[in-house]
């Protein structure tokens, strides 16, 4: 799970490459990339400080980030937080499968 930070950042950027290049869409893409980058940094922090509890801390942080963004009308940030939560769940599930074998 140590690679999750880089994965979130890379997947987030790749998910936005083929989007509409209009100024509004580029602003939205920048907001999403910034959210993915922040999520990546938070994951690194949580993994270092919380070990086995890192995934739960990350889920809580993503939930709070999405809620704040929704409240402020920052749709792109809310969508990015939700996407990062999906990637986190996929990564945790994959990690659990590998460690249980």
N, C-alpha and C. Protein backbone atom coordinates (compact mmCIF):
# COMPACT_ATOMS: atom_id res chain seq x y z
N UNK A 1 0.81 -1.20 0.00
CA UNK A 1 0.00 0.00 0.00
C UNK A 1 0.86 1.26 0.00
N UNK A 2 2.14 1.11 0.09
CA UNK A 2 3.03 2.27 0.09
C UNK A 2 2.99 3.00 -1.24
N UNK A 3 2.60 2.33 -2.31
CA UNK A 3 2.57 2.94 -3.63
C UNK A 3 1.26 3.68 -3.90
N UNK A 4 0.32 3.64 -2.97
CA UNK A 4 -0.99 4.25 -3.21
C UNK A 4 -0.89 5.73 -3.50
N UNK A 5 -0.02 6.43 -2.81
CA UNK A 5 0.10 7.88 -3.01
C UNK A 5 0.42 8.20 -4.47
N UNK A 6 1.41 7.53 -5.02
CA UNK A 6 1.77 7.75 -6.42
C UNK A 6 0.68 7.32 -7.37
N UNK A 7 0.01 6.24 -7.02
CA UNK A 7 -1.06 5.73 -7.87
C UNK A 7 -2.20 6.72 -7.95
N UNK A 8 -2.62 7.27 -6.82
CA UNK A 8 -3.71 8.25 -6.82
C UNK A 8 -3.33 9.44 -7.70
N UNK A 9 -2.13 9.95 -7.52
CA UNK A 9 -1.69 11.09 -8.32
C UNK A 9 -1.65 10.77 -9.80
N UNK A 10 -1.09 9.61 -10.16
CA UNK A 10 -0.99 9.22 -11.57
C UNK A 10 -2.35 8.93 -12.18
N UNK A 11 -3.17 8.15 -11.51
CA UNK A 11 -4.49 7.82 -12.03
C UNK A 11 -5.34 9.08 -12.19
N UNK A 12 -5.24 9.97 -11.22
CA UNK A 12 -6.00 11.21 -11.30
C UNK A 12 -5.62 12.03 -12.50
N UNK A 13 -4.35 12.12 -12.78
CA UNK A 13 -3.88 12.88 -13.94
C UNK A 13 -4.29 12.19 -15.22
N UNK A 14 -4.09 10.88 -15.30
CA UNK A 14 -4.44 10.14 -16.51
C UNK A 14 -5.94 10.19 -16.80
N UNK A 15 -6.75 10.20 -15.78
CA UNK A 15 -8.19 10.24 -15.97
C UNK A 15 -8.65 11.55 -16.60
N UNK A 16 -7.82 12.58 -16.52
CA UNK A 16 -8.22 13.90 -17.01
C UNK A 16 -7.59 14.27 -18.35
N UNK A 17 -6.67 13.47 -18.85
CA UNK A 17 -5.91 13.83 -20.05
C UNK A 17 -6.81 14.03 -21.27
N UNK A 18 -7.76 13.17 -21.48
CA UNK A 18 -8.58 13.21 -22.70
C UNK A 18 -9.87 14.00 -22.54
N UNK A 19 -9.90 14.91 -21.64
CA UNK A 19 -11.11 15.69 -21.40
C UNK A 19 -11.18 16.90 -22.33
N UNK A 20 -12.33 17.53 -22.35
CA UNK A 20 -12.58 18.75 -23.11
C UNK A 20 -11.60 19.84 -22.68
N UNK A 21 -10.84 20.42 -23.63
CA UNK A 21 -9.83 21.42 -23.26
C UNK A 21 -10.36 22.86 -23.12
N UNK A 22 -11.66 23.05 -22.99
CA UNK A 22 -12.18 24.41 -22.83
C UNK A 22 -11.68 25.00 -21.52
N UNK A 23 -11.62 26.34 -21.40
CA UNK A 23 -11.12 26.96 -20.16
C UNK A 23 -11.85 26.48 -18.90
N UNK A 24 -13.16 26.33 -18.99
CA UNK A 24 -13.92 25.87 -17.82
C UNK A 24 -13.52 24.45 -17.45
N UNK A 25 -13.36 23.60 -18.44
CA UNK A 25 -12.98 22.21 -18.18
C UNK A 25 -11.54 22.12 -17.68
N UNK A 26 -10.69 23.00 -18.17
CA UNK A 26 -9.31 23.01 -17.68
C UNK A 26 -9.25 23.43 -16.22
N UNK A 27 -10.07 24.41 -15.82
CA UNK A 27 -10.14 24.81 -14.41
C UNK A 27 -10.63 23.64 -13.56
N UNK A 28 -11.64 22.95 -14.05
CA UNK A 28 -12.17 21.78 -13.34
C UNK A 28 -11.10 20.71 -13.22
N UNK A 29 -10.37 20.47 -14.31
CA UNK A 29 -9.31 19.46 -14.29
C UNK A 29 -8.22 19.84 -13.29
N UNK A 30 -7.86 21.12 -13.24
CA UNK A 30 -6.84 21.57 -12.27
C UNK A 30 -7.31 21.33 -10.85
N UNK A 31 -8.59 21.62 -10.58
CA UNK A 31 -9.13 21.38 -9.23
C UNK A 31 -9.04 19.89 -8.88
N UNK A 32 -9.36 19.06 -9.84
CA UNK A 32 -9.30 17.61 -9.58
C UNK A 32 -7.87 17.15 -9.35
N UNK A 33 -6.94 17.60 -10.19
CA UNK A 33 -5.55 17.20 -10.04
C UNK A 33 -5.02 17.67 -8.68
N UNK A 34 -5.37 18.89 -8.28
CA UNK A 34 -4.93 19.38 -6.96
C UNK A 34 -5.51 18.51 -5.84
N UNK A 35 -6.75 18.08 -5.99
CA UNK A 35 -7.36 17.20 -4.98
C UNK A 35 -6.66 15.85 -4.95
N UNK A 36 -6.35 15.30 -6.13
CA UNK A 36 -5.62 14.03 -6.18
C UNK A 36 -4.24 14.17 -5.55
N UNK A 37 -3.57 15.27 -5.82
CA UNK A 37 -2.24 15.50 -5.24
C UNK A 37 -2.33 15.62 -3.72
N UNK A 38 -3.33 16.33 -3.23
CA UNK A 38 -3.51 16.46 -1.79
C UNK A 38 -3.85 15.12 -1.16
N UNK A 39 -4.69 14.34 -1.83
CA UNK A 39 -5.03 13.00 -1.33
C UNK A 39 -3.78 12.12 -1.28
N UNK A 40 -2.94 12.25 -2.28
CA UNK A 40 -1.70 11.50 -2.31
C UNK A 40 -0.82 11.86 -1.10
N UNK A 41 -0.70 13.14 -0.83
CA UNK A 41 0.10 13.59 0.32
C UNK A 41 -0.51 13.12 1.64
N UNK A 42 -1.82 13.19 1.75
CA UNK A 42 -2.48 12.73 2.98
C UNK A 42 -2.24 11.25 3.18
N UNK A 43 -2.33 10.46 2.09
CA UNK A 43 -2.11 9.03 2.23
C UNK A 43 -0.71 8.75 2.77
N UNK A 44 0.28 9.45 2.23
CA UNK A 44 1.65 9.26 2.69
C UNK A 44 1.75 9.57 4.18
N UNK A 45 1.12 10.65 4.60
CA UNK A 45 1.11 11.04 6.01
C UNK A 45 0.41 9.99 6.87
N UNK A 46 -0.77 9.57 6.46
CA UNK A 46 -1.53 8.59 7.25
C UNK A 46 -0.81 7.25 7.32
N UNK A 47 -0.24 6.81 6.21
CA UNK A 47 0.47 5.53 6.20
C UNK A 47 1.65 5.55 7.15
N UNK A 48 2.36 6.67 7.20
CA UNK A 48 3.53 6.78 8.09
C UNK A 48 3.12 6.86 9.55
N UNK A 49 2.03 7.54 9.84
CA UNK A 49 1.64 7.79 11.23
C UNK A 49 0.69 6.76 11.81
N UNK A 50 -0.10 6.10 10.96
CA UNK A 50 -1.19 5.29 11.49
C UNK A 50 -1.15 3.81 11.09
N UNK A 51 -0.17 3.43 10.30
CA UNK A 51 0.00 2.03 9.95
C UNK A 51 -1.28 1.36 9.46
N UNK A 52 -1.74 0.35 10.20
CA UNK A 52 -2.91 -0.43 9.80
C UNK A 52 -4.20 0.40 9.79
N UNK A 53 -4.22 1.51 10.47
CA UNK A 53 -5.42 2.37 10.50
C UNK A 53 -5.41 3.41 9.39
N UNK A 54 -4.39 3.41 8.56
CA UNK A 54 -4.24 4.44 7.53
C UNK A 54 -5.43 4.47 6.57
N UNK A 55 -5.88 3.30 6.12
CA UNK A 55 -6.99 3.26 5.16
C UNK A 55 -8.25 3.87 5.75
N UNK A 56 -8.54 3.56 7.00
CA UNK A 56 -9.73 4.13 7.65
C UNK A 56 -9.59 5.64 7.81
N UNK A 57 -8.42 6.10 8.22
CA UNK A 57 -8.17 7.55 8.34
C UNK A 57 -8.35 8.23 6.99
N UNK A 58 -7.85 7.57 5.93
CA UNK A 58 -7.96 8.15 4.59
C UNK A 58 -9.42 8.22 4.16
N UNK A 59 -10.18 7.18 4.42
CA UNK A 59 -11.62 7.20 4.08
C UNK A 59 -12.32 8.35 4.79
N UNK A 60 -12.02 8.53 6.07
CA UNK A 60 -12.63 9.62 6.82
C UNK A 60 -12.25 10.98 6.25
N UNK A 61 -10.97 11.13 5.88
CA UNK A 61 -10.51 12.39 5.31
C UNK A 61 -11.20 12.66 3.97
N UNK A 62 -11.30 11.62 3.13
CA UNK A 62 -11.97 11.78 1.84
C UNK A 62 -13.45 12.10 2.00
N UNK A 63 -14.11 11.46 2.97
CA UNK A 63 -15.52 11.77 3.25
C UNK A 63 -15.68 13.24 3.63
N UNK A 64 -14.81 13.71 4.54
CA UNK A 64 -14.88 15.10 4.99
C UNK A 64 -14.55 16.07 3.86
N UNK A 65 -13.57 15.72 3.04
CA UNK A 65 -13.19 16.57 1.90
C UNK A 65 -14.34 16.68 0.92
N UNK A 66 -14.98 15.56 0.61
CA UNK A 66 -16.12 15.58 -0.31
C UNK A 66 -17.28 16.38 0.28
N UNK A 67 -17.56 16.20 1.56
CA UNK A 67 -18.66 16.93 2.19
C UNK A 67 -18.42 18.44 2.16
N UNK A 68 -17.20 18.86 2.51
CA UNK A 68 -16.88 20.30 2.48
C UNK A 68 -16.97 20.85 1.07
N UNK A 69 -16.48 20.11 0.11
CA UNK A 69 -16.52 20.56 -1.28
C UNK A 69 -17.97 20.68 -1.76
N UNK A 70 -18.78 19.71 -1.43
CA UNK A 70 -20.19 19.74 -1.82
C UNK A 70 -20.89 20.94 -1.19
N UNK A 71 -20.62 21.18 0.07
CA UNK A 71 -21.22 22.31 0.77
C UNK A 71 -20.85 23.64 0.11
N UNK A 72 -19.62 23.75 -0.38
CA UNK A 72 -19.15 24.98 -1.01
C UNK A 72 -19.49 25.05 -2.50
N UNK A 73 -20.04 23.99 -3.04
CA UNK A 73 -20.36 23.96 -4.46
C UNK A 73 -19.15 23.68 -5.34
N UNK A 74 -18.10 23.12 -4.76
CA UNK A 74 -16.88 22.78 -5.51
C UNK A 74 -17.04 21.37 -6.08
N UNK A 75 -17.82 21.27 -7.13
CA UNK A 75 -18.19 19.98 -7.71
C UNK A 75 -16.99 19.15 -8.13
N UNK A 76 -16.02 19.78 -8.79
CA UNK A 76 -14.85 19.03 -9.28
C UNK A 76 -14.08 18.42 -8.11
N UNK A 77 -13.92 19.19 -7.05
CA UNK A 77 -13.19 18.67 -5.88
C UNK A 77 -13.97 17.51 -5.24
N UNK A 78 -15.30 17.65 -5.14
CA UNK A 78 -16.12 16.58 -4.57
C UNK A 78 -16.02 15.31 -5.42
N UNK A 79 -16.07 15.47 -6.75
CA UNK A 79 -15.97 14.32 -7.63
C UNK A 79 -14.60 13.65 -7.49
N UNK A 80 -13.56 14.45 -7.38
CA UNK A 80 -12.21 13.89 -7.24
C UNK A 80 -12.07 13.13 -5.92
N UNK A 81 -12.63 13.65 -4.85
CA UNK A 81 -12.57 12.96 -3.56
C UNK A 81 -13.30 11.62 -3.64
N UNK A 82 -14.45 11.62 -4.30
CA UNK A 82 -15.21 10.38 -4.46
C UNK A 82 -14.42 9.37 -5.30
N UNK A 83 -13.77 9.84 -6.37
CA UNK A 83 -12.96 8.95 -7.21
C UNK A 83 -11.77 8.41 -6.42
N UNK A 84 -11.12 9.25 -5.65
CA UNK A 84 -9.99 8.79 -4.84
C UNK A 84 -10.45 7.74 -3.82
N UNK A 85 -11.65 7.91 -3.28
CA UNK A 85 -12.18 6.92 -2.33
C UNK A 85 -12.39 5.58 -3.03
N UNK A 86 -12.86 5.61 -4.27
CA UNK A 86 -13.04 4.38 -5.05
C UNK A 86 -11.70 3.70 -5.27
N UNK A 87 -10.69 4.48 -5.66
CA UNK A 87 -9.36 3.91 -5.88
C UNK A 87 -8.79 3.34 -4.59
N UNK A 88 -9.01 4.04 -3.48
CA UNK A 88 -8.54 3.55 -2.19
C UNK A 88 -9.18 2.20 -1.89
N UNK A 89 -10.48 2.09 -2.08
CA UNK A 89 -11.19 0.83 -1.81
C UNK A 89 -10.64 -0.29 -2.69
N UNK A 90 -10.39 0.01 -3.97
CA UNK A 90 -9.85 -0.99 -4.88
C UNK A 90 -8.45 -1.43 -4.44
N UNK A 91 -7.65 -0.48 -4.04
CA UNK A 91 -6.28 -0.79 -3.62
C UNK A 91 -6.28 -1.61 -2.33
N UNK A 92 -7.11 -1.22 -1.38
CA UNK A 92 -7.21 -1.96 -0.12
C UNK A 92 -7.69 -3.38 -0.39
N UNK A 93 -8.68 -3.54 -1.26
CA UNK A 93 -9.18 -4.87 -1.59
C UNK A 93 -8.11 -5.72 -2.26
N UNK A 94 -7.38 -5.12 -3.18
CA UNK A 94 -6.30 -5.86 -3.85
C UNK A 94 -5.21 -6.26 -2.87
N UNK A 95 -4.88 -5.34 -1.97
CA UNK A 95 -3.85 -5.62 -0.96
C UNK A 95 -4.32 -6.73 -0.03
N UNK A 96 -5.58 -6.69 0.37
CA UNK A 96 -6.13 -7.72 1.26
C UNK A 96 -6.10 -9.09 0.61
N UNK A 97 -6.41 -9.14 -0.69
CA UNK A 97 -6.41 -10.39 -1.42
C UNK A 97 -5.00 -10.96 -1.49
N UNK A 98 -4.02 -10.11 -1.76
CA UNK A 98 -2.62 -10.59 -1.85
C UNK A 98 -2.10 -11.07 -0.52
N UNK A 99 -2.45 -10.37 0.57
CA UNK A 99 -1.90 -10.75 1.87
C UNK A 99 -2.62 -11.94 2.48
N UNK A 100 -3.82 -12.24 1.99
CA UNK A 100 -4.55 -13.40 2.55
C UNK A 100 -4.18 -14.69 1.84
N UNK A 101 -3.51 -14.58 0.68
CA UNK A 101 -3.11 -15.79 -0.07
C UNK A 101 -1.93 -16.48 0.56
